[in-house]
């Protein structure tokens, strides 16, 4: 009977030793995961710490670019109007000289 109790106690001790070893392994894994997550958190904090300021600066730069773009659009519109006026002036000039050529051509034929 004593041998049976010793065997049962030994078996229980071995089972509990195995459970303790598995718990220790789980603790090691959890510690590794916690350390890894701490490193990730530190890295993301470093990167994202300046994010609001960078976003604000980017928005400001976009606003400035839009303002410059608007000014350039106005200048392009003015250049287009100038070119249009020059082309109209050229057409009027050509019509005027064609009429002069026709008139002077008729005078030469009439002489």
PDB file of N, CA and C in Angstrom:
ATOM      1  N   UNK A   1       0.806  -1.180   0.000  1.00  0.00           N
ATOM      2  CA  UNK A   1       0.000   0.000   0.000  1.00  0.00           C
ATOM      3  C   UNK A   1       0.862   1.261   0.000  1.00  0.00           C
ATOM      4  N   UNK A   2       1.941   1.254   0.743  1.00  0.00           N
ATOM      5  CA  UNK A   2       2.839   2.388   0.813  1.00  0.00           C
ATOM      6  C   UNK A   2       3.476   2.603  -0.568  1.00  0.00           C
ATOM      7  N   UNK A   3       3.793   1.514  -1.244  1.00  0.00           N
ATOM      8  CA  UNK A   3       4.398   1.622  -2.569  1.00  0.00           C
ATOM      9  C   UNK A   3       3.408   2.268  -3.531  1.00  0.00           C
ATOM     10  N   UNK A   4       2.152   1.930  -3.424  1.00  0.00           N
ATOM     11  CA  UNK A   4       1.120   2.515  -4.280  1.00  0.00           C
ATOM     12  C   UNK A   4       1.020   4.017  -4.026  1.00  0.00           C
ATOM     13  N   UNK A   5       1.051   4.434  -2.787  1.00  0.00           N
ATOM     14  CA  UNK A   5       0.975   5.860  -2.443  1.00  0.00           C
ATOM     15  C   UNK A   5       2.217   6.576  -2.985  1.00  0.00           C
ATOM     16  N   UNK A   6       3.386   5.951  -2.852  1.00  0.00           N
ATOM     17  CA  UNK A   6       4.617   6.564  -3.348  1.00  0.00           C
ATOM     18  C   UNK A   6       4.563   6.694  -4.873  1.00  0.00           C
ATOM     19  N   UNK A   7       4.067   5.670  -5.557  1.00  0.00           N
ATOM     20  CA  UNK A   7       3.949   5.718  -7.013  1.00  0.00           C
ATOM     21  C   UNK A   7       2.968   6.806  -7.462  1.00  0.00           C
ATOM     22  N   UNK A   8       1.831   6.878  -6.776  1.00  0.00           N
ATOM     23  CA  UNK A   8       0.835   7.906  -7.125  1.00  0.00           C
ATOM     24  C   UNK A   8       1.420   9.298  -6.868  1.00  0.00           C
ATOM     25  N   UNK A   9       2.091   9.489  -5.748  1.00  0.00           N
ATOM     26  CA  UNK A   9       2.704  10.789  -5.439  1.00  0.00           C
ATOM     27  C   UNK A   9       3.792  11.137  -6.461  1.00  0.00           C
ATOM     28  N   UNK A  10       4.584  10.122  -6.838  1.00  0.00           N
ATOM     29  CA  UNK A  10       5.626  10.350  -7.837  1.00  0.00           C
ATOM     30  C   UNK A  10       4.999  10.722  -9.177  1.00  0.00           C
ATOM     31  N   UNK A  11       3.942  10.019  -9.565  1.00  0.00           N
ATOM     32  CA  UNK A  11       3.244  10.313 -10.816  1.00  0.00           C
ATOM     33  C   UNK A  11       2.657  11.727 -10.788  1.00  0.00           C
ATOM     34  N   UNK A  12       2.026  12.078  -9.685  1.00  0.00           N
ATOM     35  CA  UNK A  12       1.458  13.434  -9.545  1.00  0.00           C
ATOM     36  C   UNK A  12       2.585  14.471  -9.602  1.00  0.00           C
ATOM     37  N   UNK A  13       3.709  14.178  -8.944  1.00  0.00           N
ATOM     38  CA  UNK A  13       4.844  15.110  -8.952  1.00  0.00           C
ATOM     39  C   UNK A  13       5.390  15.289 -10.361  1.00  0.00           C
ATOM     40  N   UNK A  14       5.496  14.192 -11.122  1.00  0.00           N
ATOM     41  CA  UNK A  14       5.986  14.296 -12.497  1.00  0.00           C
ATOM     42  C   UNK A  14       5.026  15.087 -13.379  1.00  0.00           C
ATOM     43  N   UNK A  15       3.737  14.841 -13.207  1.00  0.00           N
ATOM     44  CA  UNK A  15       2.736  15.594 -13.983  1.00  0.00           C
ATOM     45  C   UNK A  15       2.824  17.078 -13.640  1.00  0.00           C
ATOM     46  N   UNK A  16       2.920  17.395 -12.364  1.00  0.00           N
ATOM     47  CA  UNK A  16       3.008  18.800 -11.949  1.00  0.00           C
ATOM     48  C   UNK A  16       4.327  19.437 -12.406  1.00  0.00           C
ATOM     49  N   UNK A  17       5.414  18.637 -12.413  1.00  0.00           N
ATOM     50  CA  UNK A  17       6.685  19.142 -12.918  1.00  0.00           C
ATOM     51  C   UNK A  17       6.571  19.476 -14.404  1.00  0.00           C
ATOM     52  N   UNK A  18       5.897  18.617 -15.180  1.00  0.00           N
ATOM     53  CA  UNK A  18       5.676  18.869 -16.605  1.00  0.00           C
ATOM     54  C   UNK A  18       4.821  20.126 -16.795  1.00  0.00           C
ATOM     55  N   UNK A  19       3.762  20.257 -16.001  1.00  0.00           N
ATOM     56  CA  UNK A  19       2.895  21.445 -16.087  1.00  0.00           C
ATOM     57  C   UNK A  19       3.697  22.704 -15.745  1.00  0.00           C
ATOM     58  N   UNK A  20       4.534  22.622 -14.706  1.00  0.00           N
ATOM     59  CA  UNK A  20       5.352  23.778 -14.322  1.00  0.00           C
ATOM     60  C   UNK A  20       6.330  24.141 -15.439  1.00  0.00           C
ATOM     61  N   UNK A  21       6.924  23.113 -16.070  1.00  0.00           N
ATOM     62  CA  UNK A  21       7.858  23.358 -17.177  1.00  0.00           C
ATOM     63  C   UNK A  21       7.147  24.028 -18.341  1.00  0.00           C
ATOM     64  N   UNK A  22       5.910  23.583 -18.679  1.00  0.00           N
ATOM     65  CA  UNK A  22       5.127  24.186 -19.771  1.00  0.00           C
ATOM     66  C   UNK A  22       4.736  25.629 -19.424  1.00  0.00           C
ATOM     67  N   UNK A  23       4.376  25.857 -18.175  1.00  0.00           N
ATOM     68  CA  UNK A  23       4.034  27.219 -17.740  1.00  0.00           C
ATOM     69  C   UNK A  23       5.269  28.115 -17.855  1.00  0.00           C
ATOM     70  N   UNK A  24       6.442  27.595 -17.483  1.00  0.00           N
ATOM     71  CA  UNK A  24       7.674  28.368 -17.594  1.00  0.00           C
ATOM     72  C   UNK A  24       7.964  28.699 -19.060  1.00  0.00           C
ATOM     73  N   UNK A  25       7.760  27.727 -19.978  1.00  0.00           N
ATOM     74  CA  UNK A  25       7.940  27.981 -21.414  1.00  0.00           C
ATOM     75  C   UNK A  25       6.960  29.044 -21.904  1.00  0.00           C
ATOM     76  N   UNK A  26       5.719  28.942 -21.457  1.00  0.00           N
ATOM     77  CA  UNK A  26       4.709  29.934 -21.838  1.00  0.00           C
ATOM     78  C   UNK A  26       5.110  31.320 -21.337  1.00  0.00           C
ATOM     79  N   UNK A  27       5.637  31.370 -20.119  1.00  0.00           N
ATOM     80  CA  UNK A  27       6.097  32.646 -19.556  1.00  0.00           C
ATOM     81  C   UNK A  27       7.236  33.220 -20.404  1.00  0.00           C
ATOM     82  N   UNK A  28       8.157  32.384 -20.858  1.00  0.00           N
ATOM     83  CA  UNK A  28       9.265  32.833 -21.696  1.00  0.00           C
ATOM     84  C   UNK A  28       8.745  33.383 -23.025  1.00  0.00           C
ATOM     85  N   UNK A  29       7.802  32.685 -23.627  1.00  0.00           N
ATOM     86  CA  UNK A  29       7.225  33.160 -24.893  1.00  0.00           C
ATOM     87  C   UNK A  29       6.503  34.487 -24.702  1.00  0.00           C
ATOM     88  N   UNK A  30       5.720  34.572 -23.639  1.00  0.00           N
ATOM     89  CA  UNK A  30       4.994  35.817 -23.372  1.00  0.00           C
ATOM     90  C   UNK A  30       5.961  36.971 -23.105  1.00  0.00           C
ATOM     91  N   UNK A  31       7.060  36.706 -22.418  1.00  0.00           N
ATOM     92  CA  UNK A  31       8.058  37.753 -22.166  1.00  0.00           C
ATOM     93  C   UNK A  31       8.684  38.209 -23.481  1.00  0.00           C
ATOM     94  N   UNK A  32       8.982  37.254 -24.376  1.00  0.00           N
ATOM     95  CA  UNK A  32       9.552  37.594 -25.683  1.00  0.00           C
ATOM     96  C   UNK A  32       8.564  38.427 -26.493  1.00  0.00           C
ATOM     97  N   UNK A  33       7.299  38.010 -26.500  1.00  0.00           N
ATOM     98  CA  UNK A  33       6.264  38.755 -27.231  1.00  0.00           C
ATOM     99  C   UNK A  33       6.102  40.151 -26.642  1.00  0.00           C
ATOM    100  N   UNK A  34       6.111  40.253 -25.314  1.00  0.00           N
ATOM    101  CA  UNK A  34       5.973  41.563 -24.666  1.00  0.00           C
ATOM    102  C   UNK A  34       7.145  42.471 -25.025  1.00  0.00           C
ATOM    103  N   UNK A  35       8.358  41.921 -25.024  1.00  0.00           N
ATOM    104  CA  UNK A  35       9.530  42.728 -25.394  1.00  0.00           C
ATOM    105  C   UNK A  35       9.444  43.190 -26.848  1.00  0.00           C
ATOM    106  N   UNK A  36       9.011  42.280 -27.731  1.00  0.00           N
ATOM    107  CA  UNK A  36       8.866  42.628 -29.146  1.00  0.00           C
ATOM    108  C   UNK A  36       7.822  43.724 -29.323  1.00  0.00           C
ATOM    109  N   UNK A  37       6.700  43.588 -28.639  1.00  0.00           N
ATOM    110  CA  UNK A  37       5.653  44.614 -28.738  1.00  0.00           C
ATOM    111  C   UNK A  37       6.124  45.949 -28.173  1.00  0.00           C
ATOM    112  N   UNK A  38       6.938  45.907 -27.133  1.00  0.00           N
ATOM    113  CA  UNK A  38       7.484  47.148 -26.573  1.00  0.00           C
ATOM    114  C   UNK A  38       8.395  47.840 -27.584  1.00  0.00           C
ATOM    115  N   UNK A  39       9.209  47.049 -28.280  1.00  0.00           N
ATOM    116  CA  UNK A  39      10.082  47.624 -29.315  1.00  0.00           C
ATOM    117  C   UNK A  39       9.238  48.212 -30.442  1.00  0.00           C
ATOM    118  N   UNK A  40       8.201  47.473 -30.875  1.00  0.00           N
ATOM    119  CA  UNK A  40       7.315  47.982 -31.934  1.00  0.00           C
ATOM    120  C   UNK A  40       6.643  49.280 -31.503  1.00  0.00           C
ATOM    121  N   UNK A  41       6.183  49.301 -30.261  1.00  0.00           N
ATOM    122  CA  UNK A  41       5.514  50.508 -29.753  1.00  0.00           C
ATOM    123  C   UNK A  41       6.477  51.686 -29.736  1.00  0.00           C
ATOM    124  N   UNK A  42       7.711  51.432 -29.345  1.00  0.00           N
ATOM    125  CA  UNK A  42       8.715  52.498 -29.309  1.00  0.00           C
ATOM    126  C   UNK A  42       8.998  53.023 -30.715  1.00  0.00           C
ATOM    127  N   UNK A  43       9.111  52.096 -31.664  1.00  0.00           N
ATOM    128  CA  UNK A  43       9.374  52.511 -33.053  1.00  0.00           C
ATOM    129  C   UNK A  43       8.205  53.306 -33.624  1.00  0.00           C
ATOM    130  N   UNK A  44       6.991  52.822 -33.412  1.00  0.00           N
ATOM    131  CA  UNK A  44       5.835  53.552 -33.938  1.00  0.00           C
ATOM    132  C   UNK A  44       5.678  54.897 -33.243  1.00  0.00           C
ATOM    133  N   UNK A  45       6.003  54.956 -31.968  1.00  0.00           N
ATOM    134  CA  UNK A  45       5.929  56.242 -31.268  1.00  0.00           C
ATOM    135  C   UNK A  45       6.925  57.225 -31.870  1.00  0.00           C
ATOM    136  N   UNK A  46       8.123  56.728 -32.168  1.00  0.00           N
ATOM    137  CA  UNK A  46       9.144  57.591 -32.766  1.00  0.00           C
ATOM    138  C   UNK A  46       8.686  58.109 -34.123  1.00  0.00           C
ATOM    139  N   UNK A  47       8.089  57.217 -34.908  1.00  0.00           N
ATOM    140  CA  UNK A  47       7.652  57.608 -36.252  1.00  0.00           C
ATOM    141  C   UNK A  47       6.431  58.516 -36.186  1.00  0.00           C
ATOM    142  N   UNK A  48       5.459  58.127 -35.379  1.00  0.00           N
ATOM    143  CA  UNK A  48       4.189  58.856 -35.365  1.00  0.00           C
ATOM    144  C   UNK A  48       4.206  60.085 -34.463  1.00  0.00           C
ATOM    145  N   UNK A  49       5.250  60.259 -33.685  1.00  0.00           N
ATOM    146  CA  UNK A  49       5.315  61.403 -32.784  1.00  0.00           C
ATOM    147  C   UNK A  49       5.263  62.714 -33.558  1.00  0.00           C
ATOM    148  N   UNK A  50       5.908  62.749 -34.699  1.00  0.00           N
ATOM    149  CA  UNK A  50       5.944  63.973 -35.507  1.00  0.00           C
ATOM    150  C   UNK A  50       4.844  64.004 -36.562  1.00  0.00           C
ATOM    151  N   UNK A  51       4.003  62.996 -36.593  1.00  0.00           N
ATOM    152  CA  UNK A  51       2.977  62.917 -37.641  1.00  0.00           C
ATOM    153  C   UNK A  51       2.046  64.132 -37.658  1.00  0.00           C
ATOM    154  N   UNK A  52       1.495  64.574 -36.528  1.00  0.00           N
ATOM    155  CA  UNK A  52       0.599  65.741 -36.602  1.00  0.00           C
ATOM    156  C   UNK A  52       1.287  66.984 -37.173  1.00  0.00           C
ATOM    157  N   UNK A  53       2.523  67.211 -36.759  1.00  0.00           N
ATOM    158  CA  UNK A  53       3.252  68.373 -37.277  1.00  0.00           C
ATOM    159  C   UNK A  53       3.513  68.221 -38.776  1.00  0.00           C
ATOM    160  N   UNK A  54       3.888  67.012 -39.189  1.00  0.00           N
ATOM    161  CA  UNK A  54       4.135  66.769 -40.614  1.00  0.00           C
ATOM    162  C   UNK A  54       2.860  66.919 -41.431  1.00  0.00           C
ATOM    163  N   UNK A  55       1.749  66.453 -40.893  1.00  0.00           N
ATOM    164  CA  UNK A  55       0.470  66.592 -41.597  1.00  0.00           C
ATOM    165  C   UNK A  55       0.117  68.071 -41.734  1.00  0.00           C
ATOM    166  N   UNK A  56       0.308  68.828 -40.665  1.00  0.00           N
ATOM    167  CA  UNK A  56       0.014  70.259 -40.717  1.00  0.00           C
ATOM    168  C   UNK A  56       0.894  70.952 -41.761  1.00  0.00           C
ATOM    169  N   UNK A  57       2.189  70.640 -41.756  1.00  0.00           N
ATOM    170  CA  UNK A  57       3.095  71.255 -42.733  1.00  0.00           C
ATOM    171  C   UNK A  57       2.710  70.869 -44.158  1.00  0.00           C
ATOM    172  N   UNK A  58       2.321  69.614 -44.340  1.00  0.00           N
ATOM    173  CA  UNK A  58       1.911  69.171 -45.678  1.00  0.00           C
ATOM    174  C   UNK A  58       0.658  69.912 -46.130  1.00  0.00           C
ATOM    175  N   UNK A  59      -0.292  70.078 -45.227  1.00  0.00           N
ATOM    176  CA  UNK A  59      -1.507  70.815 -45.577  1.00  0.00           C
ATOM    177  C   UNK A  59      -1.171  72.262 -45.936  1.00  0.00           C
ATOM    178  N   UNK A  60      -0.265  72.848 -45.183  1.00  0.00           N
ATOM    179  CA  UNK A  60       0.143  74.228 -45.466  1.00  0.00           C
ATOM    180  C   UNK A  60       0.833  74.318 -46.830  1.00  0.00           C
ATOM    181  N   UNK A  61       1.690  73.347 -47.124  1.00  0.00           N
ATOM    182  CA  UNK A  61       2.372  73.332 -48.426  1.00  0.00           C
ATOM    183  C   UNK A  61       1.379  73.151 -49.566  1.00  0.00           C
ATOM    184  N   UNK A  62       0.390  72.288 -49.366  1.00  0.00           N
ATOM    185  CA  UNK A  62      -0.635  72.086 -50.395  1.00  0.00           C
ATOM    186  C   UNK A  62      -1.408  73.380 -50.617  1.00  0.00           C
ATOM    187  N   UNK A  63      -1.754  74.066 -49.535  1.00  0.00           N
ATOM    188  CA  UNK A  63      -2.469  75.339 -49.658  1.00  0.00           C
ATOM    189  C   UNK A  63      -1.634  76.343 -50.454  1.00  0.00           C
ATOM    190  N   UNK A  64      -0.333  76.433 -50.123  1.00  0.00           N
ATOM    191  CA  UNK A  64       0.549  77.372 -50.837  1.00  0.00           C
ATOM    192  C   UNK A  64       0.664  77.006 -52.311  1.00  0.00           C
ATOM    193  N   UNK A  65       0.771  75.712 -52.597  1.00  0.00           N
ATOM    194  CA  UNK A  65       0.848  75.286 -53.996  1.00  0.00           C
ATOM    195  C   UNK A  65      -0.436  75.618 -54.745  1.00  0.00           C
ATOM    196  N   UNK A  66      -1.560  75.458 -54.090  1.00  0.00           N
ATOM    197  CA  UNK A  66      -2.833  75.796 -54.743  1.00  0.00           C
ATOM    198  C   UNK A  66      -2.913  77.293 -55.027  1.00  0.00           C
ATOM    199  N   UNK A  67      -2.409  78.102 -54.103  1.00  0.00           N
ATOM    200  CA  UNK A  67      -2.408  79.554 -54.324  1.00  0.00           C
ATOM    201  C   UNK A  67      -1.513  79.906 -55.517  1.00  0.00           C
ATOM    202  N   UNK A  68      -0.326  79.295 -55.562  1.00  0.00           N
ATOM    203  CA  UNK A  68       0.577  79.554 -56.693  1.00  0.00           C
ATOM    204  C   UNK A  68      -0.039  79.060 -57.993  1.00  0.00           C
ATOM    205  N   UNK A  69      -0.701  77.913 -57.921  1.00  0.00           N
ATOM    206  CA  UNK A  69      -1.350  77.354 -59.108  1.00  0.00           C
ATOM    207  C   UNK A  69      -2.435  78.300 -59.613  1.00  0.00           C
ATOM    208  N   UNK A  70      -3.182  78.885 -58.694  1.00  0.00           N
ATOM    209  CA  UNK A  70      -4.235  79.826 -59.079  1.00  0.00           C
ATOM    210  C   UNK A  70      -3.627  81.046 -59.772  1.00  0.00           C
ATOM    211  N   UNK A  71      -2.522  81.544 -59.225  1.00  0.00           N
ATOM    212  CA  UNK A  71      -1.856  82.700 -59.844  1.00  0.00           C
ATOM    213  C   UNK A  71      -1.338  82.336 -61.234  1.00  0.00           C
ATOM    214  N   UNK A  72      -0.775  81.138 -61.363  1.00  0.00           N
ATOM    215  CA  UNK A  72      -0.276  80.705 -62.672  1.00  0.00           C
ATOM    216  C   UNK A  72      -1.414  80.533 -63.670  1.00  0.00           C
ATOM    217  N   UNK A  73      -2.557  80.060 -63.204  1.00  0.00           N
ATOM    218  CA  UNK A  73      -3.714  79.929 -64.097  1.00  0.00           C
ATOM    219  C   UNK A  73      -4.136  81.296 -64.623  1.00  0.00           C
ATOM    220  N   UNK A  74      -4.102  82.294 -63.749  1.00  0.00           N
ATOM    221  CA  UNK A  74      -4.452  83.650 -64.180  1.00  0.00           C
ATOM    222  C   UNK A  74      -3.447  84.151 -65.222  1.00  0.00           C
ATOM    223  N   UNK A  75      -2.174  83.896 -64.991  1.00  0.00           N
ATOM    224  CA  UNK A  75      -1.155  84.330 -65.947  1.00  0.00           C
ATOM    225  C   UNK A  75      -1.318  83.606 -67.279  1.00  0.00           C
ATOM    226  N   UNK A  76      -1.625  82.319 -67.230  1.00  0.00           N
ATOM    227  CA  UNK A  76      -1.849  81.562 -68.468  1.00  0.00           C
ATOM    228  C   UNK A  76      -3.040  82.136 -69.217  1.00  0.00           C
ATOM    229  N   UNK A  77      -4.094  82.481 -68.491  1.00  0.00           N
ATOM    230  CA  UNK A  77      -5.276  83.070 -69.120  1.00  0.00           C
ATOM    231  C   UNK A  77      -4.917  84.396 -69.790  1.00  0.00           C
ATOM    232  N   UNK A  78      -4.105  85.205 -69.117  1.00  0.00           N
ATOM    233  CA  UNK A  78      -3.692  86.484 -69.694  1.00  0.00           C
ATOM    234  C   UNK A  78      -2.840  86.276 -70.947  1.00  0.00           C
ATOM    235  N   UNK A  79      -1.939  85.310 -70.905  1.00  0.00           N
ATOM    236  CA  UNK A  79      -1.101  85.023 -72.077  1.00  0.00           C
ATOM    237  C   UNK A  79      -1.971  84.552 -73.233  1.00  0.00           C
ATOM    238  N   UNK A  80      -2.959  83.716 -72.941  1.00  0.00           N
ATOM    239  CA  UNK A  80      -3.869  83.246 -73.995  1.00  0.00           C
ATOM    240  C   UNK A  80      -4.629  84.417 -74.612  1.00  0.00           C
ATOM    241  N   UNK A  81      -5.074  85.346 -73.777  1.00  0.00           N
ATOM    242  CA  UNK A  81      -5.790  86.508 -74.292  1.00  0.00           C
ATOM    243  C   UNK A  81      -4.868  87.362 -75.163  1.00  0.00           C
ATOM    244  N   UNK A  82      -3.631  87.531 -74.727  1.00  0.00           N
ATOM    245  CA  UNK A  82      -2.675  88.318 -75.519  1.00  0.00           C
ATOM    246  C   UNK A  82      -2.425  87.652 -76.862  1.00  0.00           C
ATOM    247  N   UNK A  83      -2.234  86.322 -76.843  1.00  0.00           N
ATOM    248  CA  UNK A  83      -2.010  85.592 -78.098  1.00  0.00           C
ATOM    249  C   UNK A  83      -3.229  85.706 -78.997  1.00  0.00           C
ATOM    250  N   UNK A  84      -4.414  85.621 -78.414  1.00  0.00           N
ATOM    251  CA  UNK A  84      -5.637  85.750 -79.199  1.00  0.00           C
ATOM    252  C   UNK A  84      -5.718  87.133 -79.838  1.00  0.00           C
ATOM    253  N   UNK A  85      -5.390  88.166 -79.071  1.00  0.00           N
ATOM    254  CA  UNK A  85      -5.394  89.523 -79.624  1.00  0.00           C
ATOM    255  C   UNK A  85      -4.357  89.674 -80.738  1.00  0.00           C
ATOM    256  N   UNK A  86      -3.186  89.089 -80.542  1.00  0.00           N
ATOM    257  CA  UNK A  86      -2.155  89.168 -81.583  1.00  0.00           C
ATOM    258  C   UNK A  86      -2.605  88.461 -82.853  1.00  0.00           C
ATOM    259  N   UNK A  87      -3.243  87.303 -82.707  1.00  0.00           N
ATOM    260  CA  UNK A  87      -3.730  86.582 -83.884  1.00  0.00           C
ATOM    261  C   UNK A  87      -4.820  87.368 -84.603  1.00  0.00           C
ATOM    262  N   UNK A  88      -5.711  87.994 -83.836  1.00  0.00           N
ATOM    263  CA  UNK A  88      -6.747  88.824 -84.462  1.00  0.00           C
ATOM    264  C   UNK A  88      -6.118  90.016 -85.172  1.00  0.00           C
ATOM    265  N   UNK A  89      -5.115  90.623 -84.536  1.00  0.00           N
ATOM    266  CA  UNK A  89      -4.414  91.740 -85.170  1.00  0.00           C
ATOM    267  C   UNK A  89      -3.733  91.299 -86.455  1.00  0.00           C
ATOM    268  N   UNK A  90      -3.142  90.106 -86.433  1.00  0.00           N
ATOM    269  CA  UNK A  90      -2.487  89.584 -87.633  1.00  0.00           C
ATOM    270  C   UNK A  90      -3.509  89.367 -88.744  1.00  0.00           C
ATOM    271  N   UNK A  91      -4.677  88.831 -88.407  1.00  0.00           N
ATOM    272  CA  UNK A  91      -5.715  88.599 -89.415  1.00  0.00           C
ATOM    273  C   UNK A  91      -6.200  89.922 -90.003  1.00  0.00           C
ATOM    274  N   UNK A  92      -6.410  90.900 -89.131  1.00  0.00           N
ATOM    275  CA  UNK A  92      -6.858  92.213 -89.617  1.00  0.00           C
ATOM    276  C   UNK A  92      -5.778  92.831 -90.507  1.00  0.00           C
ATOM    277  N   UNK A  93      -4.550  92.730 -90.121  1.00  0.00           N
ATOM    278  CA  UNK A  93      -3.430  93.269 -90.890  1.00  0.00           C
ATOM    279  C   UNK A  93      -3.352  92.617 -92.265  1.00  0.00           C
ATOM    280  N   UNK A  94      -3.504  91.286 -92.287  1.00  0.00           N
ATOM    281  CA  UNK A  94      -3.451  90.571 -93.566  1.00  0.00           C
ATOM    282  C   UNK A  94      -4.622  90.969 -94.463  1.00  0.00           C
ATOM    283  N   UNK A  95      -5.807  91.108 -93.896  1.00  0.00           N
ATOM    284  CA  UNK A  95      -6.966  91.531 -94.697  1.00  0.00           C
ATOM    285  C   UNK A  95      -6.733  92.928 -95.279  1.00  0.00           C
ATOM    286  N   UNK A  96      -6.191  93.817 -94.470  1.00  0.00           N
ATOM    287  CA  UNK A  96      -5.943  95.184 -94.918  1.00  0.00           C
ATOM    288  C   UNK A  96      -4.974  95.191 -96.093  1.00  0.00           C
ATOM    289  N   UNK A  97      -3.881  94.452 -96.001  1.00  0.00           N
ATOM    290  CA  UNK A  97      -2.910  94.433 -97.093  1.00  0.00           C
ATOM    291  C   UNK A  97      -3.432  93.696 -98.310  1.00  0.00           C
ATOM    292  N   UNK A  98      -4.291  92.719 -98.143  1.00  0.00           N
ATOM    293  CA  UNK A  98      -4.896  92.062 -99.306  1.00  0.00           C
ATOM    294  C   UNK A  98      -5.779  93.050-100.054  1.00  0.00           C
ATOM    295  N   UNK A  99      -6.517  93.830 -99.301  1.00  0.00           N
ATOM    296  CA  UNK A  99      -7.363  94.838 -99.956  1.00  0.00           C
ATOM    297  C   UNK A  99      -6.493  95.858-100.686  1.00  0.00           C
ATOM    298  N   UNK A 100      -5.400  96.251-100.057  1.00  0.00           N
ATOM    299  CA  UNK A 100      -4.507  97.204-100.714  1.00  0.00           C
ATOM    300  C   UNK A 100      -3.926  96.602-101.982  1.00  0.00           C
ATOM    301  N   UNK A 101      -3.574  95.317-101.919  1.00  0.00           N
ATOM    302  CA  UNK A 101      -3.027  94.655-103.107  1.00  0.00           C
ATOM    303  C   UNK A 101      -4.075  94.576-104.202  1.00  0.00           C
ATOM    304  N   UNK A 102      -5.318  94.251-103.791  1.00  0.00           N
ATOM    305  CA  UNK A 102      -6.392  94.168-104.782  1.00  0.00           C
ATOM    306  C   UNK A 102      -6.659  95.540-105.399  1.00  0.00           C
ATOM    307  N   UNK A 103      -6.681  96.559-104.537  1.00  0.00           N
ATOM    308  CA  UNK A 103      -6.942  97.912-105.038  1.00  0.00           C
ATOM    309  C   UNK A 103      -5.789  98.372-105.931  1.00  0.00           C
ATOM    310  N   UNK A 104      -4.567  98.179-105.487  1.00  0.00           N
ATOM    311  CA  UNK A 104      -3.428  98.614-106.307  1.00  0.00           C
ATOM    312  C   UNK A 104      -3.318  97.746-107.553  1.00  0.00           C
ATOM    313  N   UNK A 105      -3.732  96.494-107.488  1.00  0.00           N
ATOM    314  CA  UNK A 105      -3.735  95.627-108.660  1.00  0.00           C
ATOM    315  C   UNK A 105      -4.753  96.093-109.671  1.00  0.00           C
ATOM    316  N   UNK A 106      -5.896  96.554-109.242  1.00  0.00           N
ATOM    317  CA  UNK A 106      -6.929  97.064-110.149  1.00  0.00           C
ATOM    318  C   UNK A 106      -6.458  98.347-110.810  1.00  0.00           C
ATOM    319  N   UNK A 107      -5.730  99.171-110.070  1.00  0.00           N
ATOM    320  CA  UNK A 107      -5.247 100.430-110.629  1.00  0.00           C
ATOM    321  C   UNK A 107      -4.211 100.160-111.719  1.00  0.00           C
ATOM    322  N   UNK A 108      -3.383  99.149-111.470  1.00  0.00           N
ATOM    323  CA  UNK A 108      -2.375  98.848-112.482  1.00  0.00           C
ATOM    324  C   UNK A 108      -3.029  98.303-113.735  1.00  0.00           C
ATOM    325  N   UNK A 109      -4.056  97.508-113.600  1.00  0.00           N
ATOM    326  CA  UNK A 109      -4.748  96.949-114.752  1.00  0.00           C
ATOM    327  C   UNK A 109      -5.495  98.069-115.480  1.00  0.00           C
ATOM    328  N   UNK A 110      -6.048  99.019-114.761  1.00  0.00           N
ATOM    329  CA  UNK A 110      -6.811 100.095-115.358  1.00  0.00           C
ATOM    330  C   UNK A 110      -5.904 101.049-116.117  1.00  0.00           C
ATOM    331  N   UNK A 111      -4.679 101.180-115.797  1.00  0.00           N
ATOM    332  CA  UNK A 111      -3.773 102.123-116.463  1.00  0.00           C
ATOM    333  C   UNK A 111      -3.443 101.594-117.773  1.00  0.00           C
TER     334      UNK A 111
END
